[in-house]
Protein backbone atom coordinates (compact mmCIF):
# COMPACT_ATOMS: atom_id res chain seq x y z
CA UNK A 1 98.86 127.10 87.60
CA UNK A 2 96.26 124.17 88.21
CA UNK A 3 96.07 121.69 85.51
CA UNK A 4 92.64 121.75 83.51
CA UNK A 5 90.36 118.85 83.60
CA UNK A 6 87.20 118.78 81.53
CA UNK A 7 84.33 117.73 83.54
CA UNK A 8 81.41 115.70 82.14
CA UNK A 9 78.02 114.75 84.21
CA UNK A 10 76.05 113.00 81.47
CA UNK A 11 74.58 109.41 82.55
CA UNK A 12 72.93 106.82 80.53
CA UNK A 13 71.37 104.61 83.36
CA UNK A 14 68.84 103.17 81.15
CA UNK A 15 71.45 101.87 78.68
CA UNK A 16 74.20 100.34 80.94
CA UNK A 17 76.48 99.03 78.41
CA UNK A 18 76.45 102.22 76.66
CA UNK A 19 77.13 104.01 79.91
CA UNK A 20 80.27 101.90 80.18
CA UNK A 21 80.96 102.23 76.48
CA UNK A 22 81.17 106.18 77.04
CA UNK A 23 84.05 105.73 79.36
CA UNK A 24 85.71 103.31 76.89
CA UNK A 25 85.23 105.73 73.97
CA UNK A 26 86.53 108.66 76.14
CA UNK A 27 89.88 106.49 76.83
CA UNK A 28 90.32 105.92 73.30
CA UNK A 29 89.88 109.30 72.06
CA UNK A 30 92.07 110.74 74.86
CA UNK A 31 94.83 108.19 73.98
CA UNK A 32 94.66 109.19 70.50
CA UNK A 33 95.00 112.98 71.39
CA UNK A 34 91.38 113.64 70.13
CA UNK A 35 90.08 114.88 73.62
CA UNK A 36 91.59 116.53 76.77
CA UNK A 37 91.90 115.09 80.20
CA UNK A 38 88.44 114.28 81.46
CA UNK A 39 86.84 113.74 84.75
CA UNK A 40 83.30 111.82 84.47
CA UNK A 41 81.22 111.91 87.45
CA UNK A 42 77.62 110.48 87.09
CA UNK A 43 74.86 108.62 88.72
CA UNK A 44 74.37 105.34 87.41
CA UNK A 45 71.71 102.55 86.96
CA UNK A 46 71.62 99.19 88.74
CA UNK A 47 74.58 97.40 87.32
CA UNK A 48 77.09 94.52 88.15
CA UNK A 49 80.19 95.18 86.42
CA UNK A 50 82.23 91.93 85.77
CA UNK A 51 85.81 91.77 85.27
CA UNK A 52 87.96 89.68 82.75
CA UNK A 53 88.67 86.90 85.38
CA UNK A 54 84.93 86.72 86.08
CA UNK A 55 84.07 85.80 82.48
CA UNK A 56 86.39 82.80 82.44
CA UNK A 57 84.65 81.32 85.67
CA UNK A 58 82.58 78.32 84.85
CA UNK A 59 79.87 79.86 87.01
CA UNK A 60 79.69 83.33 85.12
CA UNK A 61 76.35 82.26 83.52
CA UNK A 62 74.85 81.57 86.71
CA UNK A 63 76.35 84.90 88.14
CA UNK A 64 74.70 86.75 85.33
CA UNK A 65 71.50 85.20 86.08
CA UNK A 66 71.90 86.00 89.63
CA UNK A 67 72.59 89.63 89.25
CA UNK A 68 69.56 89.92 86.74
CA UNK A 69 67.34 88.23 89.44
CA UNK A 70 68.24 90.91 91.83
CA UNK A 71 67.31 93.48 89.36
CA UNK A 72 70.70 94.63 88.02
CA UNK A 73 71.72 94.68 84.51
CA UNK A 74 75.14 92.90 83.93
CA UNK A 75 77.91 94.56 81.85
CA UNK A 76 81.60 93.69 81.13
CA UNK A 77 83.75 96.30 82.84
CA UNK A 78 86.43 98.37 81.34
CA UNK A 79 89.05 98.06 84.09
CA UNK A 80 90.26 94.73 85.79
CA UNK A 81 88.99 93.27 89.04
CA UNK A 82 86.15 91.21 90.15
CA UNK A 83 82.50 91.94 90.07
CA UNK A 84 81.38 95.48 91.21
CA UNK A 85 77.85 96.97 91.96
CA UNK A 86 76.79 100.34 90.98
CA UNK A 87 73.24 101.48 91.48
CA UNK A 88 71.40 104.93 91.79
CA UNK A 89 72.75 105.58 95.31
CA UNK A 90 76.41 105.06 94.25
CA UNK A 91 78.55 107.76 92.41
CA UNK A 92 80.25 106.51 89.22
CA UNK A 93 83.83 108.16 88.84
CA UNK A 94 86.01 107.84 85.38
CA UNK A 95 89.06 109.96 85.35
CA UNK A 96 90.73 109.70 81.84
CA UNK A 97 94.31 111.11 81.69
CA UNK A 98 96.71 111.45 78.70
CA UNK A 99 100.05 110.04 79.36
CA UNK A 100 102.76 109.17 76.99
CA UNK A 101 103.99 106.39 79.36
CA UNK A 102 100.90 105.30 81.48
CA UNK A 103 102.43 102.05 83.00
CA UNK A 104 105.02 104.30 84.70
CA UNK A 105 102.45 106.20 86.74
CA UNK A 106 99.87 103.42 87.60
CA UNK A 107 100.36 103.86 91.55
CA UNK A 108 100.53 107.63 91.55
CA UNK A 109 97.16 107.78 89.72
CA UNK A 110 95.60 105.22 92.32
CA UNK A 111 97.00 107.29 95.14
CA UNK A 112 95.71 110.37 93.64
CA UNK A 113 92.25 109.12 93.15
CA UNK A 114 91.91 107.67 96.75
CA UNK A 115 93.48 110.62 98.34
CA UNK A 116 90.71 113.06 96.85
CA UNK A 117 87.73 110.81 97.52
CA UNK A 118 89.05 109.93 101.16
CA UNK A 119 89.47 113.71 101.76
CA UNK A 120 86.03 114.41 100.27
CA UNK A 121 84.29 111.68 102.61
CA UNK A 122 86.11 112.89 105.59
CA UNK A 123 84.52 116.44 104.83
CA UNK A 124 81.31 114.56 105.25
CA UNK A 125 82.24 113.29 108.70
CA UNK A 126 83.27 109.88 107.68
CA UNK A 127 86.42 108.47 109.28
CA UNK A 128 87.79 107.62 105.71
CA UNK A 129 90.87 105.76 105.38
CA UNK A 130 92.83 104.23 102.39
CA UNK A 131 93.55 100.48 102.25
CA UNK A 132 92.14 97.08 101.65
CA UNK A 133 89.79 95.63 104.22
CA UNK A 134 90.36 91.75 104.64
CA UNK A 135 87.26 90.09 103.09
CA UNK A 136 86.14 93.06 101.07
CA UNK A 137 84.70 92.48 97.78
CA UNK A 138 86.86 93.54 94.59
CA UNK A 139 89.76 93.92 97.02
CA UNK A 140 92.35 96.60 96.31
CA UNK A 141 95.13 98.55 98.09
CA UNK A 142 93.55 101.77 97.09
CA UNK A 143 90.16 101.22 98.07
CA UNK A 144 88.47 103.84 100.70
CA UNK A 145 87.19 102.42 103.62
CA UNK A 146 85.31 103.83 106.87
CA UNK A 147 87.12 103.02 110.17
CA UNK A 148 89.20 100.17 108.54
CA UNK A 149 85.80 98.18 108.64
CA UNK A 150 83.44 99.17 105.69
CA UNK A 151 84.45 99.52 102.12
CA UNK A 152 83.03 102.75 100.56
CA UNK A 153 84.98 103.14 97.20
CA UNK A 154 86.59 100.52 94.97
CA UNK A 155 88.91 101.72 92.21
CA UNK A 156 90.42 100.01 89.22
CA UNK A 157 92.54 101.05 86.04
CA UNK A 158 92.63 100.50 82.34
CA UNK A 159 95.54 101.52 80.29
CA UNK A 160 96.00 102.42 76.54
CA UNK A 161 99.00 103.30 74.66
CA UNK A 162 98.98 106.98 75.44
CA UNK A 163 96.37 107.26 78.33
CA UNK A 164 94.75 105.72 81.47
CA UNK A 165 91.24 105.34 82.60
CA UNK A 166 90.92 105.44 86.48
CA UNK A 167 87.38 104.02 87.28
CA UNK A 168 85.71 103.91 90.71
CA UNK A 169 82.49 103.53 92.45
CA UNK A 170 81.54 105.52 95.80
CA UNK A 171 78.77 104.10 97.70
CA UNK A 172 76.60 106.73 99.14
CA UNK A 173 73.45 104.51 100.31
CA UNK A 174 72.15 101.18 99.69
CA UNK A 175 74.86 98.90 101.20
CA UNK A 176 71.95 96.28 101.69
CA UNK A 177 71.61 96.12 97.85
CA UNK A 178 75.22 95.54 97.35
CA UNK A 179 75.26 92.53 99.76
CA UNK A 180 71.98 90.97 98.51
CA UNK A 181 73.51 90.84 94.72
CA UNK A 182 77.16 89.90 95.67
CA UNK A 183 76.35 86.99 97.91
CA UNK A 184 74.99 85.01 95.03
CA UNK A 185 77.02 86.60 92.43
CA UNK A 186 80.25 85.72 94.31
CA UNK A 187 79.04 82.43 95.30
CA UNK A 188 78.59 81.41 91.58
CA UNK A 189 81.98 82.69 90.65
CA UNK A 190 83.72 80.81 93.48
CA UNK A 191 85.00 84.03 95.10
CA UNK A 192 85.25 84.31 99.03
CA UNK A 193 84.24 87.63 100.74
CA UNK A 194 82.83 88.80 103.97
CA UNK A 195 79.40 90.62 103.18
CA UNK A 196 79.85 92.67 106.45
CA UNK A 197 82.61 94.68 104.79
CA UNK A 198 80.30 96.33 102.51
CA UNK A 199 79.15 99.81 103.72
CA UNK A 200 77.98 103.07 102.65
CA UNK A 201 78.49 106.80 103.49
CA UNK A 202 75.00 107.12 104.87
CA UNK A 203 75.74 103.81 107.17
CA UNK A 204 78.54 106.21 108.76
CA UNK A 205 76.82 109.68 108.76
CA UNK A 206 72.97 109.26 108.28
CA UNK A 207 71.16 111.86 106.23
CA UNK A 208 74.16 112.55 103.85
CA UNK A 209 72.26 112.85 100.35
CA UNK A 210 73.81 111.78 97.14
CA UNK A 211 74.09 115.42 95.89
CA UNK A 212 76.16 116.31 99.08
CA UNK A 213 78.54 113.47 98.34
CA UNK A 214 78.73 114.36 94.68
CA UNK A 215 79.53 118.07 95.55
CA UNK A 216 82.11 116.99 98.12
CA UNK A 217 84.20 114.87 95.60
CA UNK A 218 84.04 117.66 93.04
CA UNK A 219 84.97 120.22 95.51
CA UNK A 220 87.99 118.13 96.42
CA UNK A 221 88.91 117.59 92.73
CA UNK A 222 88.54 121.31 92.18
CA UNK A 223 90.93 122.14 95.07
CA UNK A 224 93.73 120.41 92.78
CA UNK A 225 92.41 120.76 89.31
CA UNK A 226 90.70 123.48 87.26
CA UNK A 227 87.64 121.68 86.40
CA UNK A 228 85.90 123.04 83.26
CA UNK A 229 82.28 121.73 82.79
CA UNK A 230 81.52 120.61 79.21
CA UNK A 231 79.37 118.12 77.34
CA UNK A 232 80.23 114.88 75.83
CA UNK A 233 81.22 115.51 72.20
CA UNK A 234 78.99 113.88 69.35
CA UNK A 235 82.28 111.98 68.24
CA UNK A 236 82.73 110.40 71.55
CA UNK A 237 79.09 109.55 71.79
CA UNK A 238 79.11 107.94 68.30
CA UNK A 239 82.28 105.82 69.12
CA UNK A 240 80.59 104.66 72.39
CA UNK A 241 77.70 103.50 70.29
CA UNK A 242 79.90 101.48 68.33
CA UNK A 243 81.85 100.03 71.32
CA UNK A 244 78.58 99.42 73.36
CA UNK A 245 78.02 95.69 72.14
CA UNK A 246 81.59 94.81 73.52
CA UNK A 247 79.99 95.55 77.02
CA UNK A 248 77.19 93.52 76.69
CA UNK A 249 77.91 89.97 78.16
CA UNK A 250 75.80 88.06 75.42
CA UNK A 251 77.30 89.92 72.66
CA UNK A 252 81.09 89.68 73.72
CA UNK A 253 83.58 87.90 71.36
CA UNK A 254 86.67 86.31 73.03
CA UNK A 255 88.64 87.90 70.38
CA UNK A 256 87.39 91.51 71.25
CA UNK A 257 90.18 93.87 72.27
CA UNK A 258 90.90 97.48 72.76
């Protein structure tokens, strides 16, 4: 019998910090046994999501200003890693899984998320492969790329006591926007990368629409899991509103923790 996974589609593109806080709230509530395993797949607004190491950089304020100058809101991301970009031509994915020992299965979760997304992109005609490209932004061993040359998906994890959050962004179109915003942001943070490695599904297979890519990912999740579409609970949304300030750079306190 396939494992049941609740599917949520709500998005809050006008409130980027709240959008991030929703996944944070779901992680807390799944860890506490208050909500089931959940896959959240949605269309985000224009966001540069900064990681914990970014916030320690002396160039962080300059990076924030650079993101905003390109029309992107800044948020402090839930998972680790370097700055990543979301916009309306990307797909934001958050998979929150209960696990009594989440540290034991970090690699397996990365592998499963990458496997599903790579298979979905191949079904669209992309030569999708799993692995880090030298010079890619926010590098990771479980990135999904095209032809070993263009990064199409980045993925990270955040753990709590009894749950894990697998967060990913899949770039359907607008790779030029990623390059334009990350060049000054990474320069401010002192990070090296090769802008030529930033790609999109549409760069590889022109004409693929956002909805087609979303449907392919959902279909490939549904091949392995029993997706049950639902809505965000009032309790999760209320907790997200409480957590929202933690994901706004200007409002963060160094002592904040999960």
